[in-house]
Amino acid sequence: MNKILIEQTCSQDFLTQIGLIIEEKIAKVIAKVEAVPQQEEVMKIKETATFLGVSRTTLYNYDKLGILSPKRFGNSKRYLKSEVIEFLKNKN
């Protein structure tokens, strides 16, 4: 942290220094918040099948073939919507 000598600083310089320190701290907090990855939208197996217009069995086969694989969230599997959309783009 920056050290300020009060006895050698006029009040305006003191306030300016405090303002700069506060701005620096706020910028660091904002940078940390922006660095946190945004949660990506996930879809259940049934939702994904409906979205793609395929059966759940087809999704299972896509997974086995490595074409489109779900992610594990605890005991369940979910598809990342961005990956499903990318799959559709590449399919056509």
N, C-alpha and C. Protein backbone atom coordinates (compact mmCIF):
# COMPACT_ATOMS: atom_id res chain seq x y z
N MET A 1 0.84 -1.17 0.00
CA MET A 1 0.00 0.00 0.00
C MET A 1 0.88 1.23 0.00
N ASN A 2 0.42 2.28 -0.63
CA ASN A 2 1.18 3.52 -0.69
C ASN A 2 1.15 4.21 0.67
N LYS A 3 2.30 4.75 1.05
CA LYS A 3 2.38 5.49 2.30
C LYS A 3 2.32 6.97 2.00
N ILE A 4 1.55 7.67 2.78
CA ILE A 4 1.40 9.11 2.60
C ILE A 4 1.88 9.81 3.86
N LEU A 5 2.76 10.77 3.68
CA LEU A 5 3.20 11.58 4.81
C LEU A 5 2.28 12.78 4.91
N ILE A 6 1.44 12.76 5.91
CA ILE A 6 0.45 13.82 6.07
C ILE A 6 1.10 15.15 6.39
N GLU A 7 2.14 15.13 7.17
CA GLU A 7 2.75 16.38 7.61
C GLU A 7 3.42 17.15 6.48
N GLN A 8 3.75 16.48 5.38
CA GLN A 8 4.41 17.16 4.28
C GLN A 8 3.50 17.32 3.07
N THR A 9 2.23 17.16 3.25
CA THR A 9 1.28 17.21 2.15
C THR A 9 0.15 18.17 2.49
N CYS A 10 -0.21 19.01 1.51
CA CYS A 10 -1.37 19.88 1.73
C CYS A 10 -2.64 19.04 1.59
N SER A 11 -3.74 19.56 2.06
CA SER A 11 -4.98 18.79 2.09
C SER A 11 -5.44 18.38 0.68
N GLN A 12 -5.24 19.24 -0.30
CA GLN A 12 -5.67 18.90 -1.67
C GLN A 12 -4.84 17.75 -2.23
N ASP A 13 -3.53 17.78 -2.00
CA ASP A 13 -2.67 16.69 -2.45
C ASP A 13 -3.04 15.39 -1.73
N PHE A 14 -3.35 15.50 -0.47
CA PHE A 14 -3.75 14.34 0.33
C PHE A 14 -5.01 13.70 -0.26
N LEU A 15 -6.02 14.54 -0.56
CA LEU A 15 -7.26 14.03 -1.14
C LEU A 15 -7.03 13.42 -2.52
N THR A 16 -6.16 14.03 -3.29
CA THR A 16 -5.83 13.50 -4.61
C THR A 16 -5.19 12.12 -4.49
N GLN A 17 -4.27 11.97 -3.56
CA GLN A 17 -3.61 10.68 -3.35
C GLN A 17 -4.61 9.61 -2.90
N ILE A 18 -5.49 9.98 -2.01
CA ILE A 18 -6.52 9.03 -1.55
C ILE A 18 -7.41 8.62 -2.73
N GLY A 19 -7.79 9.59 -3.55
CA GLY A 19 -8.61 9.29 -4.73
C GLY A 19 -7.92 8.32 -5.68
N LEU A 20 -6.61 8.52 -5.89
CA LEU A 20 -5.86 7.63 -6.77
C LEU A 20 -5.78 6.22 -6.20
N ILE A 21 -5.57 6.12 -4.90
CA ILE A 21 -5.51 4.81 -4.25
C ILE A 21 -6.85 4.09 -4.37
N ILE A 22 -7.94 4.82 -4.15
CA ILE A 22 -9.27 4.23 -4.26
C ILE A 22 -9.54 3.77 -5.69
N GLU A 23 -9.20 4.59 -6.68
CA GLU A 23 -9.38 4.21 -8.08
C GLU A 23 -8.60 2.94 -8.41
N GLU A 24 -7.38 2.86 -7.90
CA GLU A 24 -6.53 1.68 -8.15
C GLU A 24 -7.17 0.42 -7.55
N LYS A 25 -7.67 0.54 -6.33
CA LYS A 25 -8.31 -0.60 -5.66
C LYS A 25 -9.58 -1.02 -6.40
N ILE A 26 -10.37 -0.07 -6.84
CA ILE A 26 -11.61 -0.37 -7.58
C ILE A 26 -11.27 -1.06 -8.90
N ALA A 27 -10.25 -0.58 -9.58
CA ALA A 27 -9.84 -1.20 -10.85
C ALA A 27 -9.43 -2.65 -10.64
N LYS A 28 -8.74 -2.94 -9.54
CA LYS A 28 -8.33 -4.32 -9.24
C LYS A 28 -9.54 -5.20 -8.97
N VAL A 29 -10.51 -4.69 -8.23
CA VAL A 29 -11.73 -5.45 -7.94
C VAL A 29 -12.50 -5.73 -9.23
N ILE A 30 -12.63 -4.73 -10.08
CA ILE A 30 -13.34 -4.89 -11.36
C ILE A 30 -12.63 -5.93 -12.22
N ALA A 31 -11.31 -5.90 -12.26
CA ALA A 31 -10.54 -6.87 -13.05
C ALA A 31 -10.78 -8.29 -12.54
N LYS A 32 -10.86 -8.46 -11.21
CA LYS A 32 -11.12 -9.78 -10.65
C LYS A 32 -12.52 -10.27 -11.03
N VAL A 33 -13.50 -9.38 -10.96
CA VAL A 33 -14.87 -9.76 -11.29
C VAL A 33 -14.98 -10.14 -12.76
N GLU A 34 -14.32 -9.38 -13.62
CA GLU A 34 -14.37 -9.67 -15.06
C GLU A 34 -13.62 -10.94 -15.40
N ALA A 35 -12.65 -11.33 -14.58
CA ALA A 35 -11.86 -12.53 -14.85
C ALA A 35 -12.61 -13.81 -14.50
N VAL A 36 -13.66 -13.71 -13.71
CA VAL A 36 -14.45 -14.88 -13.34
C VAL A 36 -15.21 -15.35 -14.57
N PRO A 37 -15.03 -16.62 -14.94
CA PRO A 37 -15.73 -17.10 -16.12
C PRO A 37 -17.24 -17.10 -15.93
N GLN A 38 -17.93 -16.72 -16.98
CA GLN A 38 -19.38 -16.72 -16.92
C GLN A 38 -19.88 -18.15 -17.02
N GLN A 39 -20.94 -18.44 -16.28
CA GLN A 39 -21.49 -19.78 -16.34
C GLN A 39 -22.14 -19.98 -17.69
N GLU A 40 -21.83 -21.12 -18.26
CA GLU A 40 -22.36 -21.44 -19.57
C GLU A 40 -23.68 -22.17 -19.42
N GLU A 41 -24.57 -21.93 -20.36
CA GLU A 41 -25.88 -22.58 -20.32
C GLU A 41 -25.72 -24.07 -20.64
N VAL A 42 -26.38 -24.90 -19.84
CA VAL A 42 -26.32 -26.34 -20.05
C VAL A 42 -27.71 -26.87 -20.36
N MET A 43 -27.73 -28.00 -21.04
CA MET A 43 -28.99 -28.62 -21.44
C MET A 43 -29.01 -30.07 -21.00
N LYS A 44 -30.17 -30.53 -20.54
CA LYS A 44 -30.34 -31.93 -20.18
C LYS A 44 -30.37 -32.75 -21.46
N ILE A 45 -30.23 -34.06 -21.29
CA ILE A 45 -30.19 -34.95 -22.45
C ILE A 45 -31.48 -34.82 -23.28
N LYS A 46 -32.62 -34.86 -22.63
CA LYS A 46 -33.90 -34.76 -23.35
C LYS A 46 -34.02 -33.42 -24.07
N GLU A 47 -33.61 -32.34 -23.41
CA GLU A 47 -33.65 -31.00 -24.04
C GLU A 47 -32.77 -30.97 -25.28
N THR A 48 -31.58 -31.56 -25.15
CA THR A 48 -30.62 -31.56 -26.26
C THR A 48 -31.17 -32.36 -27.43
N ALA A 49 -31.75 -33.52 -27.14
CA ALA A 49 -32.32 -34.35 -28.20
C ALA A 49 -33.43 -33.59 -28.94
N THR A 50 -34.29 -32.94 -28.17
CA THR A 50 -35.38 -32.15 -28.78
C THR A 50 -34.81 -31.00 -29.61
N PHE A 51 -33.82 -30.31 -29.06
CA PHE A 51 -33.18 -29.18 -29.74
C PHE A 51 -32.59 -29.61 -31.08
N LEU A 52 -31.95 -30.80 -31.09
CA LEU A 52 -31.31 -31.30 -32.31
C LEU A 52 -32.27 -32.05 -33.23
N GLY A 53 -33.43 -32.42 -32.69
CA GLY A 53 -34.39 -33.19 -33.49
C GLY A 53 -33.96 -34.63 -33.67
N VAL A 54 -33.29 -35.19 -32.65
CA VAL A 54 -32.85 -36.58 -32.69
C VAL A 54 -33.35 -37.29 -31.43
N SER A 55 -33.18 -38.60 -31.40
CA SER A 55 -33.59 -39.36 -30.22
C SER A 55 -32.48 -39.35 -29.18
N ARG A 56 -32.84 -39.77 -27.98
CA ARG A 56 -31.83 -39.89 -26.92
C ARG A 56 -30.80 -40.96 -27.28
N THR A 57 -31.24 -41.99 -27.98
CA THR A 57 -30.32 -43.06 -28.42
C THR A 57 -29.28 -42.50 -29.38
N THR A 58 -29.71 -41.62 -30.27
CA THR A 58 -28.77 -40.99 -31.20
C THR A 58 -27.74 -40.16 -30.44
N LEU A 59 -28.17 -39.44 -29.43
CA LEU A 59 -27.22 -38.68 -28.61
C LEU A 59 -26.22 -39.61 -27.95
N TYR A 60 -26.71 -40.73 -27.44
CA TYR A 60 -25.83 -41.73 -26.81
C TYR A 60 -24.79 -42.21 -27.83
N ASN A 61 -25.25 -42.46 -29.06
CA ASN A 61 -24.33 -42.91 -30.11
C ASN A 61 -23.32 -41.83 -30.48
N TYR A 62 -23.78 -40.57 -30.54
CA TYR A 62 -22.85 -39.46 -30.78
C TYR A 62 -21.75 -39.44 -29.73
N ASP A 63 -22.14 -39.68 -28.49
CA ASP A 63 -21.17 -39.70 -27.39
C ASP A 63 -20.17 -40.84 -27.59
N LYS A 64 -20.67 -42.02 -27.89
CA LYS A 64 -19.78 -43.19 -28.09
C LYS A 64 -18.81 -42.97 -29.24
N LEU A 65 -19.27 -42.28 -30.28
CA LEU A 65 -18.43 -42.02 -31.45
C LEU A 65 -17.53 -40.79 -31.28
N GLY A 66 -17.75 -40.05 -30.18
CA GLY A 66 -16.95 -38.85 -29.94
C GLY A 66 -17.39 -37.66 -30.76
N ILE A 67 -18.59 -37.72 -31.31
CA ILE A 67 -19.11 -36.64 -32.15
C ILE A 67 -19.60 -35.47 -31.30
N LEU A 68 -20.35 -35.79 -30.26
CA LEU A 68 -20.88 -34.77 -29.36
C LEU A 68 -20.99 -35.41 -27.98
N SER A 69 -20.18 -34.96 -27.07
CA SER A 69 -20.13 -35.58 -25.74
C SER A 69 -20.64 -34.66 -24.66
N PRO A 70 -21.41 -35.21 -23.71
CA PRO A 70 -21.89 -34.40 -22.59
C PRO A 70 -20.81 -34.23 -21.54
N LYS A 71 -21.02 -33.29 -20.67
CA LYS A 71 -20.14 -33.06 -19.52
C LYS A 71 -20.83 -33.64 -18.29
N ARG A 72 -20.03 -34.09 -17.35
CA ARG A 72 -20.59 -34.62 -16.10
C ARG A 72 -20.73 -33.51 -15.08
N PHE A 73 -21.90 -33.44 -14.48
CA PHE A 73 -22.18 -32.52 -13.38
C PHE A 73 -22.69 -33.37 -12.24
N GLY A 74 -21.78 -33.78 -11.37
CA GLY A 74 -22.16 -34.70 -10.30
C GLY A 74 -22.50 -36.04 -10.91
N ASN A 75 -23.70 -36.54 -10.64
CA ASN A 75 -24.13 -37.83 -11.18
C ASN A 75 -24.87 -37.71 -12.50
N SER A 76 -25.07 -36.51 -12.99
CA SER A 76 -25.83 -36.34 -14.22
C SER A 76 -24.94 -35.84 -15.35
N LYS A 77 -25.45 -35.99 -16.56
CA LYS A 77 -24.74 -35.51 -17.75
C LYS A 77 -25.53 -34.36 -18.33
N ARG A 78 -24.80 -33.35 -18.80
CA ARG A 78 -25.41 -32.19 -19.43
C ARG A 78 -24.58 -31.82 -20.65
N TYR A 79 -25.25 -31.25 -21.63
CA TYR A 79 -24.57 -30.76 -22.81
C TYR A 79 -24.44 -29.25 -22.71
N LEU A 80 -23.27 -28.75 -23.10
CA LEU A 80 -23.07 -27.30 -23.15
C LEU A 80 -23.76 -26.78 -24.40
N LYS A 81 -24.64 -25.80 -24.23
CA LYS A 81 -25.41 -25.30 -25.36
C LYS A 81 -24.50 -24.78 -26.46
N SER A 82 -23.41 -24.14 -26.09
CA SER A 82 -22.49 -23.61 -27.10
C SER A 82 -21.89 -24.74 -27.95
N GLU A 83 -21.61 -25.90 -27.33
CA GLU A 83 -21.07 -27.04 -28.07
C GLU A 83 -22.13 -27.65 -28.99
N VAL A 84 -23.38 -27.67 -28.52
CA VAL A 84 -24.47 -28.20 -29.34
C VAL A 84 -24.67 -27.31 -30.56
N ILE A 85 -24.63 -26.00 -30.37
CA ILE A 85 -24.79 -25.07 -31.48
C ILE A 85 -23.62 -25.20 -32.46
N GLU A 86 -22.42 -25.34 -31.92
CA GLU A 86 -21.24 -25.52 -32.77
C GLU A 86 -21.35 -26.82 -33.59
N PHE A 87 -21.87 -27.87 -32.95
CA PHE A 87 -22.10 -29.14 -33.62
C PHE A 87 -23.06 -28.95 -34.81
N LEU A 88 -24.13 -28.20 -34.57
CA LEU A 88 -25.10 -27.94 -35.65
C LEU A 88 -24.46 -27.17 -36.80
N LYS A 89 -23.64 -26.19 -36.46
CA LYS A 89 -22.98 -25.39 -37.51
C LYS A 89 -22.07 -26.27 -38.36
N ASN A 90 -21.32 -27.16 -37.71
CA ASN A 90 -20.38 -28.01 -38.42
C ASN A 90 -21.08 -29.13 -39.18
N LYS A 91 -22.27 -29.52 -38.71
CA LYS A 91 -23.01 -30.59 -39.34
C LYS A 91 -23.54 -30.18 -40.72
N ASN A 92 -23.90 -28.91 -40.84
CA ASN A 92 -24.49 -28.42 -42.11
C ASN A 92 -23.46 -27.91 -43.05
